[in-house]
Amino acid sequence: MASVFGGINNPLPSTSYGSVNTGLPLFISNVVKVIFAAAGLFAFFNLMYAGFTYITSNGDQKKIEQAISSINMSLIGLIVMVAAAAITGVVSFLLFGSATAILQPSITGPGSY
């Protein structure tokens, strides 16, 4: 039976989420990347806002302390993010011989679709 309106092509590349070998690992890797990017952007904008608060505090000690606390927390958050990625890489290298084995997993399955 012929299609009236034409065919619908898969918008995803053939090596993307459609394969048993790359579907879930690629999805997990992309989720981790999005979380890291969102956390980095949040820390950046929080640093900008805290810097603006510090500059416009006009000598108000409460605002200065709040801005310094926000700056410190943002920097600590960035350090924790980088340390988490580094520790994950080291543990992954020690356990699996590849630093990206945990962050970019490969799951073996029965085959591809």
PDB file of N, CA and C in Angstrom:
ATOM      1  N   MET A   1       0.844  -1.174   0.000  1.00  0.00           N
ATOM      2  CA  MET A   1       0.000   0.000   0.000  1.00  0.00           C
ATOM      3  C   MET A   1       0.888   1.236   0.000  1.00  0.00           C
ATOM      4  N   ALA A   2       0.635   2.142  -0.899  1.00  0.00           N
ATOM      5  CA  ALA A   2       1.444   3.352  -1.032  1.00  0.00           C
ATOM      6  C   ALA A   2       1.004   4.382   0.001  1.00  0.00           C
ATOM      7  N   SER A   3       1.957   5.121   0.457  1.00  0.00           N
ATOM      8  CA  SER A   3       1.690   6.173   1.424  1.00  0.00           C
ATOM      9  C   SER A   3       1.099   7.387   0.704  1.00  0.00           C
ATOM     10  N   VAL A   4       0.114   8.017   1.313  1.00  0.00           N
ATOM     11  CA  VAL A   4      -0.549   9.157   0.689  1.00  0.00           C
ATOM     12  C   VAL A   4       0.317  10.414   0.803  1.00  0.00           C
ATOM     13  N   PHE A   5       0.921  10.611   1.970  1.00  0.00           N
ATOM     14  CA  PHE A   5       1.671  11.842   2.213  1.00  0.00           C
ATOM     15  C   PHE A   5       3.175  11.665   2.114  1.00  0.00           C
ATOM     16  N   GLY A   6       3.663  10.482   1.945  1.00  0.00           N
ATOM     17  CA  GLY A   6       5.099  10.254   1.872  1.00  0.00           C
ATOM     18  C   GLY A   6       5.594   9.565   3.125  1.00  0.00           C
ATOM     19  N   GLY A   7       6.868   9.277   3.158  1.00  0.00           N
ATOM     20  CA  GLY A   7       7.449   8.566   4.287  1.00  0.00           C
ATOM     21  C   GLY A   7       7.952   9.513   5.360  1.00  0.00           C
ATOM     22  N   ILE A   8       8.104   8.983   6.543  1.00  0.00           N
ATOM     23  CA  ILE A   8       8.668   9.747   7.658  1.00  0.00           C
ATOM     24  C   ILE A   8      10.024   9.139   7.978  1.00  0.00           C
ATOM     25  N   ASN A   9      11.051   9.931   7.856  1.00  0.00           N
ATOM     26  CA  ASN A   9      12.406   9.466   8.145  1.00  0.00           C
ATOM     27  C   ASN A   9      12.748   9.723   9.601  1.00  0.00           C
ATOM     28  N   ASN A  10      13.577   8.863  10.146  1.00  0.00           N
ATOM     29  CA  ASN A  10      14.053   9.023  11.511  1.00  0.00           C
ATOM     30  C   ASN A  10      14.974  10.244  11.572  1.00  0.00           C
ATOM     31  N   PRO A  11      14.678  11.230  12.429  1.00  0.00           N
ATOM     32  CA  PRO A  11      15.520  12.429  12.483  1.00  0.00           C
ATOM     33  C   PRO A  11      16.860  12.192  13.175  1.00  0.00           C
ATOM     34  N   LEU A  12      16.987  11.094  13.914  1.00  0.00           N
ATOM     35  CA  LEU A  12      18.233  10.808  14.611  1.00  0.00           C
ATOM     36  C   LEU A  12      19.187  10.065  13.690  1.00  0.00           C
ATOM     37  N   PRO A  13      20.489  10.329  13.814  1.00  0.00           N
ATOM     38  CA  PRO A  13      21.455   9.578  13.010  1.00  0.00           C
ATOM     39  C   PRO A  13      21.394   8.085  13.349  1.00  0.00           C
ATOM     40  N   SER A  14      21.896   7.268  12.456  1.00  0.00           N
ATOM     41  CA  SER A  14      21.813   5.820  12.654  1.00  0.00           C
ATOM     42  C   SER A  14      22.656   5.341  13.825  1.00  0.00           C
ATOM     43  N   THR A  15      23.652   6.088  14.253  1.00  0.00           N
ATOM     44  CA  THR A  15      24.501   5.684  15.381  1.00  0.00           C
ATOM     45  C   THR A  15      24.046   6.325  16.680  1.00  0.00           C
ATOM     46  N   SER A  16      22.816   6.727  16.764  1.00  0.00           N
ATOM     47  CA  SER A  16      22.338   7.436  17.939  1.00  0.00           C
ATOM     48  C   SER A  16      21.571   6.504  18.864  1.00  0.00           C
ATOM     49  N   TYR A  17      20.433   6.932  19.363  1.00  0.00           N
ATOM     50  CA  TYR A  17      19.700   6.208  20.391  1.00  0.00           C
ATOM     51  C   TYR A  17      19.015   4.935  19.892  1.00  0.00           C
ATOM     52  N   GLY A  18      18.983   4.690  18.598  1.00  0.00           N
ATOM     53  CA  GLY A  18      18.238   3.569  18.070  1.00  0.00           C
ATOM     54  C   GLY A  18      18.906   2.226  18.196  1.00  0.00           C
ATOM     55  N   SER A  19      20.127   2.153  18.612  1.00  0.00           N
ATOM     56  CA  SER A  19      20.867   0.902  18.661  1.00  0.00           C
ATOM     57  C   SER A  19      20.938   0.376  20.087  1.00  0.00           C
ATOM     58  N   VAL A  20      20.921  -0.941  20.214  1.00  0.00           N
ATOM     59  CA  VAL A  20      21.050  -1.561  21.534  1.00  0.00           C
ATOM     60  C   VAL A  20      22.426  -1.266  22.118  1.00  0.00           C
ATOM     61  N   ASN A  21      23.432  -1.209  21.267  1.00  0.00           N
ATOM     62  CA  ASN A  21      24.802  -1.017  21.736  1.00  0.00           C
ATOM     63  C   ASN A  21      25.082   0.417  22.169  1.00  0.00           C
ATOM     64  N   THR A  22      24.416   1.381  21.584  1.00  0.00           N
ATOM     65  CA  THR A  22      24.730   2.779  21.898  1.00  0.00           C
ATOM     66  C   THR A  22      23.570   3.552  22.492  1.00  0.00           C
ATOM     67  N   GLY A  23      22.379   3.020  22.553  1.00  0.00           N
ATOM     68  CA  GLY A  23      21.209   3.778  22.994  1.00  0.00           C
ATOM     69  C   GLY A  23      21.298   4.281  24.420  1.00  0.00           C
ATOM     70  N   LEU A  24      21.272   3.379  25.392  1.00  0.00           N
ATOM     71  CA  LEU A  24      21.290   3.767  26.798  1.00  0.00           C
ATOM     72  C   LEU A  24      22.608   4.426  27.209  1.00  0.00           C
ATOM     73  N   PRO A  25      23.777   3.894  26.818  1.00  0.00           N
ATOM     74  CA  PRO A  25      25.025   4.572  27.198  1.00  0.00           C
ATOM     75  C   PRO A  25      25.128   5.989  26.649  1.00  0.00           C
ATOM     76  N   LEU A  26      24.708   6.195  25.405  1.00  0.00           N
ATOM     77  CA  LEU A  26      24.758   7.534  24.830  1.00  0.00           C
ATOM     78  C   LEU A  26      23.793   8.465  25.536  1.00  0.00           C
ATOM     79  N   PHE A  27      22.618   7.962  25.888  1.00  0.00           N
ATOM     80  CA  PHE A  27      21.640   8.763  26.618  1.00  0.00           C
ATOM     81  C   PHE A  27      22.183   9.174  27.989  1.00  0.00           C
ATOM     82  N   ILE A  28      22.776   8.223  28.712  1.00  0.00           N
ATOM     83  CA  ILE A  28      23.351   8.515  30.031  1.00  0.00           C
ATOM     84  C   ILE A  28      24.474   9.534  29.908  1.00  0.00           C
ATOM     85  N   SER A  29      25.328   9.361  28.917  1.00  0.00           N
ATOM     86  CA  SER A  29      26.427  10.301  28.699  1.00  0.00           C
ATOM     87  C   SER A  29      25.899  11.699  28.406  1.00  0.00           C
ATOM     88  N   ASN A  30      24.850  11.793  27.586  1.00  0.00           N
ATOM     89  CA  ASN A  30      24.278  13.104  27.273  1.00  0.00           C
ATOM     90  C   ASN A  30      23.619  13.740  28.491  1.00  0.00           C
ATOM     91  N   VAL A  31      22.971  12.940  29.327  1.00  0.00           N
ATOM     92  CA  VAL A  31      22.356  13.472  30.549  1.00  0.00           C
ATOM     93  C   VAL A  31      23.432  14.030  31.485  1.00  0.00           C
ATOM     94  N   VAL A  32      24.537  13.306  31.635  1.00  0.00           N
ATOM     95  CA  VAL A  32      25.632  13.776  32.490  1.00  0.00           C
ATOM     96  C   VAL A  32      26.202  15.084  31.953  1.00  0.00           C
ATOM     97  N   LYS A  33      26.367  15.181  30.628  1.00  0.00           N
ATOM     98  CA  LYS A  33      26.886  16.413  30.026  1.00  0.00           C
ATOM     99  C   LYS A  33      25.943  17.592  30.257  1.00  0.00           C
ATOM    100  N   VAL A  34      24.638  17.354  30.129  1.00  0.00           N
ATOM    101  CA  VAL A  34      23.658  18.423  30.344  1.00  0.00           C
ATOM    102  C   VAL A  34      23.671  18.877  31.800  1.00  0.00           C
ATOM    103  N   ILE A  35      23.776  17.931  32.726  1.00  0.00           N
ATOM    104  CA  ILE A  35      23.814  18.281  34.152  1.00  0.00           C
ATOM    105  C   ILE A  35      25.055  19.115  34.457  1.00  0.00           C
ATOM    106  N   PHE A  36      26.211  18.711  33.921  1.00  0.00           N
ATOM    107  CA  PHE A  36      27.431  19.484  34.156  1.00  0.00           C
ATOM    108  C   PHE A  36      27.336  20.874  33.535  1.00  0.00           C
ATOM    109  N   ALA A  37      26.784  20.970  32.337  1.00  0.00           N
ATOM    110  CA  ALA A  37      26.645  22.280  31.690  1.00  0.00           C
ATOM    111  C   ALA A  37      25.687  23.172  32.469  1.00  0.00           C
ATOM    112  N   ALA A  38      24.565  22.615  32.920  1.00  0.00           N
ATOM    113  CA  ALA A  38      23.597  23.405  33.688  1.00  0.00           C
ATOM    114  C   ALA A  38      24.197  23.866  35.012  1.00  0.00           C
ATOM    115  N   ALA A  39      24.927  22.982  35.682  1.00  0.00           N
ATOM    116  CA  ALA A  39      25.553  23.362  36.953  1.00  0.00           C
ATOM    117  C   ALA A  39      26.622  24.431  36.738  1.00  0.00           C
ATOM    118  N   GLY A  40      27.376  24.314  35.674  1.00  0.00           N
ATOM    119  CA  GLY A  40      28.387  25.329  35.370  1.00  0.00           C
ATOM    120  C   GLY A  40      27.770  26.677  35.053  1.00  0.00           C
ATOM    121  N   LEU A  41      26.698  26.673  34.266  1.00  0.00           N
ATOM    122  CA  LEU A  41      26.008  27.938  33.957  1.00  0.00           C
ATOM    123  C   LEU A  41      25.390  28.551  35.209  1.00  0.00           C
ATOM    124  N   PHE A  42      24.808  27.698  36.066  1.00  0.00           N
ATOM    125  CA  PHE A  42      24.232  28.208  37.306  1.00  0.00           C
ATOM    126  C   PHE A  42      25.316  28.851  38.172  1.00  0.00           C
ATOM    127  N   ALA A  43      26.462  28.192  38.296  1.00  0.00           N
ATOM    128  CA  ALA A  43      27.555  28.748  39.100  1.00  0.00           C
ATOM    129  C   ALA A  43      28.059  30.060  38.491  1.00  0.00           C
ATOM    130  N   PHE A  44      28.161  30.108  37.166  1.00  0.00           N
ATOM    131  CA  PHE A  44      28.625  31.333  36.506  1.00  0.00           C
ATOM    132  C   PHE A  44      27.682  32.506  36.775  1.00  0.00           C
ATOM    133  N   PHE A  45      26.373  32.275  36.567  1.00  0.00           N
ATOM    134  CA  PHE A  45      25.425  33.365  36.787  1.00  0.00           C
ATOM    135  C   PHE A  45      25.310  33.722  38.266  1.00  0.00           C
ATOM    136  N   ASN A  46      25.470  32.745  39.138  1.00  0.00           N
ATOM    137  CA  ASN A  46      25.460  33.030  40.568  1.00  0.00           C
ATOM    138  C   ASN A  46      26.680  33.872  40.950  1.00  0.00           C
ATOM    139  N   LEU A  47      27.833  33.570  40.352  1.00  0.00           N
ATOM    140  CA  LEU A  47      29.026  34.396  40.599  1.00  0.00           C
ATOM    141  C   LEU A  47      28.818  35.823  40.090  1.00  0.00           C
ATOM    142  N   MET A  48      28.220  35.966  38.923  1.00  0.00           N
ATOM    143  CA  MET A  48      27.966  37.303  38.378  1.00  0.00           C
ATOM    144  C   MET A  48      27.014  38.091  39.283  1.00  0.00           C
ATOM    145  N   TYR A  49      25.952  37.429  39.736  1.00  0.00           N
ATOM    146  CA  TYR A  49      24.991  38.101  40.606  1.00  0.00           C
ATOM    147  C   TYR A  49      25.636  38.471  41.945  1.00  0.00           C
ATOM    148  N   ALA A  50      26.443  37.565  42.498  1.00  0.00           N
ATOM    149  CA  ALA A  50      27.110  37.855  43.775  1.00  0.00           C
ATOM    150  C   ALA A  50      28.113  38.994  43.615  1.00  0.00           C
ATOM    151  N   GLY A  51      28.825  39.013  42.493  1.00  0.00           N
ATOM    152  CA  GLY A  51      29.749  40.125  42.235  1.00  0.00           C
ATOM    153  C   GLY A  51      29.018  41.443  42.099  1.00  0.00           C
ATOM    154  N   PHE A  52      27.884  41.427  41.415  1.00  0.00           N
ATOM    155  CA  PHE A  52      27.077  42.644  41.283  1.00  0.00           C
ATOM    156  C   PHE A  52      26.557  43.091  42.645  1.00  0.00           C
ATOM    157  N   THR A  53      26.130  42.140  43.470  1.00  0.00           N
ATOM    158  CA  THR A  53      25.660  42.473  44.821  1.00  0.00           C
ATOM    159  C   THR A  53      26.794  43.064  45.647  1.00  0.00           C
ATOM    160  N   TYR A  54      27.981  42.510  45.511  1.00  0.00           N
ATOM    161  CA  TYR A  54      29.141  43.009  46.254  1.00  0.00           C
ATOM    162  C   TYR A  54      29.483  44.438  45.830  1.00  0.00           C
ATOM    163  N   ILE A  55      29.461  44.670  44.519  1.00  0.00           N
ATOM    164  CA  ILE A  55      29.809  46.004  44.017  1.00  0.00           C
ATOM    165  C   ILE A  55      28.773  47.039  44.426  1.00  0.00           C
ATOM    166  N   THR A  56      27.502  46.670  44.408  1.00  0.00           N
ATOM    167  CA  THR A  56      26.438  47.635  44.703  1.00  0.00           C
ATOM    168  C   THR A  56      26.013  47.621  46.169  1.00  0.00           C
ATOM    169  N   SER A  57      26.781  46.992  47.040  1.00  0.00           N
ATOM    170  CA  SER A  57      26.403  46.919  48.459  1.00  0.00           C
ATOM    171  C   SER A  57      26.481  48.273  49.154  1.00  0.00           C
ATOM    172  N   ASN A  58      27.290  49.170  48.641  1.00  0.00           N
ATOM    173  CA  ASN A  58      27.403  50.531  49.172  1.00  0.00           C
ATOM    174  C   ASN A  58      27.781  50.540  50.657  1.00  0.00           C
ATOM    175  N   GLY A  59      28.643  49.601  51.016  1.00  0.00           N
ATOM    176  CA  GLY A  59      29.142  49.581  52.396  1.00  0.00           C
ATOM    177  C   GLY A  59      28.243  48.865  53.385  1.00  0.00           C
ATOM    178  N   ASP A  60      27.120  48.335  52.955  1.00  0.00           N
ATOM    179  CA  ASP A  60      26.217  47.601  53.842  1.00  0.00           C
ATOM    180  C   ASP A  60      26.853  46.248  54.176  1.00  0.00           C
ATOM    181  N   GLN A  61      27.216  46.087  55.439  1.00  0.00           N
ATOM    182  CA  GLN A  61      27.952  44.898  55.865  1.00  0.00           C
ATOM    183  C   GLN A  61      27.163  43.611  55.635  1.00  0.00           C
ATOM    184  N   LYS A  62      25.856  43.643  55.794  1.00  0.00           N
ATOM    185  CA  LYS A  62      25.037  42.446  55.597  1.00  0.00           C
ATOM    186  C   LYS A  62      25.058  41.995  54.135  1.00  0.00           C
ATOM    187  N   LYS A  63      24.962  42.949  53.209  1.00  0.00           N
ATOM    188  CA  LYS A  63      25.007  42.609  51.787  1.00  0.00           C
ATOM    189  C   LYS A  63      26.392  42.114  51.379  1.00  0.00           C
ATOM    190  N   ILE A  64      27.428  42.705  51.953  1.00  0.00           N
ATOM    191  CA  ILE A  64      28.793  42.269  51.642  1.00  0.00           C
ATOM    192  C   ILE A  64      29.003  40.836  52.104  1.00  0.00           C
ATOM    193  N   GLU A  65      28.572  40.509  53.317  1.00  0.00           N
ATOM    194  CA  GLU A  65      28.718  39.150  53.827  1.00  0.00           C
ATOM    195  C   GLU A  65      27.910  38.161  52.997  1.00  0.00           C
ATOM    196  N   GLN A  66      26.715  38.553  52.576  1.00  0.00           N
ATOM    197  CA  GLN A  66      25.888  37.685  51.749  1.00  0.00           C
ATOM    198  C   GLN A  66      26.553  37.444  50.393  1.00  0.00           C
ATOM    199  N   ALA A  67      27.119  38.489  49.794  1.00  0.00           N
ATOM    200  CA  ALA A  67      27.779  38.343  48.497  1.00  0.00           C
ATOM    201  C   ALA A  67      29.020  37.468  48.609  1.00  0.00           C
ATOM    202  N   ILE A  68      29.817  37.670  49.658  1.00  0.00           N
ATOM    203  CA  ILE A  68      31.018  36.860  49.843  1.00  0.00           C
ATOM    204  C   ILE A  68      30.645  35.405  50.073  1.00  0.00           C
ATOM    205  N   SER A  69      29.599  35.165  50.840  1.00  0.00           N
ATOM    206  CA  SER A  69      29.137  33.795  51.068  1.00  0.00           C
ATOM    207  C   SER A  69      28.674  33.149  49.767  1.00  0.00           C
ATOM    208  N   SER A  70      27.963  33.902  48.950  1.00  0.00           N
ATOM    209  CA  SER A  70      27.490  33.371  47.671  1.00  0.00           C
ATOM    210  C   SER A  70      28.655  33.083  46.727  1.00  0.00           C
ATOM    211  N   ILE A  71      29.645  33.949  46.715  1.00  0.00           N
ATOM    212  CA  ILE A  71      30.836  33.727  45.893  1.00  0.00           C
ATOM    213  C   ILE A  71      31.562  32.464  46.352  1.00  0.00           C
ATOM    214  N   ASN A  72      31.734  32.329  47.660  1.00  0.00           N
ATOM    215  CA  ASN A  72      32.413  31.143  48.189  1.00  0.00           C
ATOM    216  C   ASN A  72      31.655  29.864  47.850  1.00  0.00           C
ATOM    217  N   MET A  73      30.349  29.884  48.010  1.00  0.00           N
ATOM    218  CA  MET A  73      29.553  28.689  47.716  1.00  0.00           C
ATOM    219  C   MET A  73      29.607  28.340  46.226  1.00  0.00           C
ATOM    220  N   SER A  74      29.598  29.340  45.363  1.00  0.00           N
ATOM    221  CA  SER A  74      29.692  29.078  43.927  1.00  0.00           C
ATOM    222  C   SER A  74      31.032  28.454  43.571  1.00  0.00           C
ATOM    223  N   LEU A  75      32.098  28.988  44.141  1.00  0.00           N
ATOM    224  CA  LEU A  75      33.423  28.437  43.862  1.00  0.00           C
ATOM    225  C   LEU A  75      33.573  27.025  44.426  1.00  0.00           C
ATOM    226  N   ILE A  76      33.021  26.793  45.620  1.00  0.00           N
ATOM    227  CA  ILE A  76      33.061  25.446  46.195  1.00  0.00           C
ATOM    228  C   ILE A  76      32.262  24.484  45.319  1.00  0.00           C
ATOM    229  N   GLY A  77      31.131  24.923  44.799  1.00  0.00           N
ATOM    230  CA  GLY A  77      30.336  24.083  43.902  1.00  0.00           C
ATOM    231  C   GLY A  77      31.100  23.723  42.640  1.00  0.00           C
ATOM    232  N   LEU A  78      31.812  24.687  42.053  1.00  0.00           N
ATOM    233  CA  LEU A  78      32.628  24.401  40.876  1.00  0.00           C
ATOM    234  C   LEU A  78      33.744  23.416  41.197  1.00  0.00           C
ATOM    235  N   ILE A  79      34.369  23.594  42.350  1.00  0.00           N
ATOM    236  CA  ILE A  79      35.440  22.683  42.761  1.00  0.00           C
ATOM    237  C   ILE A  79      34.894  21.273  42.960  1.00  0.00           C
ATOM    238  N   VAL A  80      33.713  21.148  43.565  1.00  0.00           N
ATOM    239  CA  VAL A  80      33.104  19.834  43.781  1.00  0.00           C
ATOM    240  C   VAL A  80      32.775  19.176  42.445  1.00  0.00           C
ATOM    241  N   MET A  81      32.268  19.961  41.478  1.00  0.00           N
ATOM    242  CA  MET A  81      31.973  19.398  40.158  1.00  0.00           C
ATOM    243  C   MET A  81      33.226  18.858  39.489  1.00  0.00           C
ATOM    244  N   VAL A  82      34.284  19.629  39.498  1.00  0.00           N
ATOM    245  CA  VAL A  82      35.529  19.196  38.864  1.00  0.00           C
ATOM    246  C   VAL A  82      36.117  17.999  39.609  1.00  0.00           C
ATOM    247  N   ALA A  83      36.057  18.036  40.941  1.00  0.00           N
ATOM    248  CA  ALA A  83      36.583  16.917  41.725  1.00  0.00           C
ATOM    249  C   ALA A  83      35.775  15.644  41.486  1.00  0.00           C
ATOM    250  N   ALA A  84      34.460  15.769  41.349  1.00  0.00           N
ATOM    251  CA  ALA A  84      33.627  14.590  41.087  1.00  0.00           C
ATOM    252  C   ALA A  84      33.988  13.964  39.748  1.00  0.00           C
ATOM    253  N   ALA A  85      34.194  14.782  38.726  1.00  0.00           N
ATOM    254  CA  ALA A  85      34.586  14.257  37.416  1.00  0.00           C
ATOM    255  C   ALA A  85      35.971  13.615  37.479  1.00  0.00           C
ATOM    256  N   ALA A  86      36.881  14.257  38.199  1.00  0.00           N
ATOM    257  CA  ALA A  86      38.238  13.706  38.312  1.00  0.00           C
ATOM    258  C   ALA A  86      38.253  12.389  39.084  1.00  0.00           C
ATOM    259  N   ILE A  87      37.533  12.345  40.190  1.00  0.00           N
ATOM    260  CA  ILE A  87      37.491  11.113  40.987  1.00  0.00           C
ATOM    261  C   ILE A  87      36.819   9.994  40.197  1.00  0.00           C
ATOM    262  N   THR A  88      35.759  10.329  39.470  1.00  0.00           N
ATOM    263  CA  THR A  88      35.097   9.324  38.639  1.00  0.00           C
ATOM    264  C   THR A  88      36.049   8.794  37.576  1.00  0.00           C
ATOM    265  N   GLY A  89      36.830   9.671  36.973  1.00  0.00           N
ATOM    266  CA  GLY A  89      37.814   9.248  35.970  1.00  0.00           C
ATOM    267  C   GLY A  89      38.882   8.350  36.558  1.00  0.00           C
ATOM    268  N   VAL A  90      39.385   8.686  37.748  1.00  0.00           N
ATOM    269  CA  VAL A  90      40.428   7.878  38.385  1.00  0.00           C
ATOM    270  C   VAL A  90      39.882   6.509  38.774  1.00  0.00           C
ATOM    271  N   VAL A  91      38.693   6.490  39.396  1.00  0.00           N
ATOM    272  CA  VAL A  91      38.091   5.209  39.791  1.00  0.00           C
ATOM    273  C   VAL A  91      37.796   4.368  38.555  1.00  0.00           C
ATOM    274  N   SER A  92      37.299   5.000  37.516  1.00  0.00           N
ATOM    275  CA  SER A  92      37.009   4.292  36.274  1.00  0.00           C
ATOM    276  C   SER A  92      38.282   3.702  35.672  1.00  0.00           C
ATOM    277  N   PHE A  93      39.367   4.464  35.702  1.00  0.00           N
ATOM    278  CA  PHE A  93      40.640   3.968  35.171  1.00  0.00           C
ATOM    279  C   PHE A  93      41.165   2.795  35.997  1.00  0.00           C
ATOM    280  N   LEU A  94      41.052   2.905  37.316  1.00  0.00           N
ATOM    281  CA  LEU A  94      41.532   1.823  38.178  1.00  0.00           C
ATOM    282  C   LEU A  94      40.707   0.551  38.025  1.00  0.00           C
ATOM    283  N   LEU A  95      39.393   0.681  37.879  1.00  0.00           N
ATOM    284  CA  LEU A  95      38.535  -0.494  37.800  1.00  0.00           C
ATOM    285  C   LEU A  95      38.438  -1.084  36.398  1.00  0.00           C
ATOM    286  N   PHE A  96      38.366  -0.225  35.374  1.00  0.00           N
ATOM    287  CA  PHE A  96      38.088  -0.701  34.023  1.00  0.00           C
ATOM    288  C   PHE A  96      39.204  -0.449  33.025  1.00  0.00           C
ATOM    289  N   GLY A  97      40.250   0.270  33.409  1.00  0.00           N
ATOM    290  CA  GLY A  97      41.365   0.530  32.503  1.00  0.00           C
ATOM    291  C   GLY A  97      41.128   1.674  31.534  1.00  0.00           C
ATOM    292  N   SER A  98      39.996   2.354  31.655  1.00  0.00           N
ATOM    293  CA  SER A  98      39.688   3.493  30.799  1.00  0.00           C
ATOM    294  C   SER A  98      39.070   4.586  31.661  1.00  0.00           C
ATOM    295  N   ALA A  99      39.567   5.800  31.504  1.00  0.00           N
ATOM    296  CA  ALA A  99      39.072   6.906  32.327  1.00  0.00           C
ATOM    297  C   ALA A  99      37.649   7.307  31.963  1.00  0.00           C
ATOM    298  N   THR A 100      37.176   6.918  30.801  1.00  0.00           N
ATOM    299  CA  THR A 100      35.828   7.297  30.384  1.00  0.00           C
ATOM    300  C   THR A 100      34.830   6.142  30.464  1.00  0.00           C
ATOM    301  N   ALA A 101      35.209   5.039  31.072  1.00  0.00           N
ATOM    302  CA  ALA A 101      34.325   3.862  31.103  1.00  0.00           C
ATOM    303  C   ALA A 101      33.052   4.122  31.896  1.00  0.00           C
ATOM    304  N   ILE A 102      33.111   4.907  32.952  1.00  0.00           N
ATOM    305  CA  ILE A 102      31.913   5.190  33.748  1.00  0.00           C
ATOM    306  C   ILE A 102      31.118   6.340  33.138  1.00  0.00           C
ATOM    307  N   LEU A 103      31.792   7.370  32.682  1.00  0.00           N
ATOM    308  CA  LEU A 103      31.097   8.534  32.142  1.00  0.00           C
ATOM    309  C   LEU A 103      30.558   8.282  30.739  1.00  0.00           C
ATOM    310  N   GLN A 104      31.166   7.377  29.990  1.00  0.00           N
ATOM    311  CA  GLN A 104      30.679   6.996  28.664  1.00  0.00           C
ATOM    312  C   GLN A 104      30.632   5.473  28.597  1.00  0.00           C
ATOM    313  N   PRO A 105      29.648   4.869  29.247  1.00  0.00           N
ATOM    314  CA  PRO A 105      29.613   3.409  29.338  1.00  0.00           C
ATOM    315  C   PRO A 105      29.298   2.740  28.002  1.00  0.00           C
ATOM    316  N   SER A 106      29.746   1.512  27.873  1.00  0.00           N
ATOM    317  CA  SER A 106      29.344   0.707  26.719  1.00  0.00           C
ATOM    318  C   SER A 106      28.691  -0.556  27.262  1.00  0.00           C
ATOM    319  N   ILE A 107      27.448  -0.749  26.879  1.00  0.00           N
ATOM    320  CA  ILE A 107      26.687  -1.898  27.354  1.00  0.00           C
ATOM    321  C   ILE A 107      26.567  -2.884  26.205  1.00  0.00           C
ATOM    322  N   THR A 108      26.962  -4.130  26.447  1.00  0.00           N
ATOM    323  CA  THR A 108      26.835  -5.128  25.405  1.00  0.00           C
ATOM    324  C   THR A 108      25.466  -5.753  25.489  1.00  0.00           C
ATOM    325  N   GLY A 109      24.839  -5.882  24.369  1.00  0.00           N
ATOM    326  CA  GLY A 109      23.485  -6.447  24.322  1.00  0.00           C
ATOM    327  C   GLY A 109      23.395  -7.549  23.286  1.00  0.00           C
ATOM    328  N   PRO A 110      22.203  -7.973  22.987  1.00  0.00           N
ATOM    329  CA  PRO A 110      22.031  -9.085  22.036  1.00  0.00           C
ATOM    330  C   PRO A 110      22.321  -8.705  20.592  1.00  0.00           C
ATOM    331  N   GLY A 111      22.479  -7.437  20.303  1.00  0.00           N
ATOM    332  CA  GLY A 111      22.741  -7.004  18.938  1.00  0.00           C
ATOM    333  C   GLY A 111      22.096  -5.674  18.678  1.00  0.00           C
ATOM    334  N   SER A 112      22.028  -5.298  17.447  1.00  0.00           N
ATOM    335  CA  SER A 112      21.404  -4.018  17.120  1.00  0.00           C
ATOM    336  C   SER A 112      20.093  -4.263  16.397  1.00  0.00           C
ATOM    337  N   TYR A 113      19.258  -3.280  16.376  1.00  0.00           N
ATOM    338  CA  TYR A 113      17.947  -3.382  15.736  1.00  0.00           C
ATOM    339  C   TYR A 113      18.077  -3.408  14.239  1.00  0.00           C
TER     340      TYR A 113
END
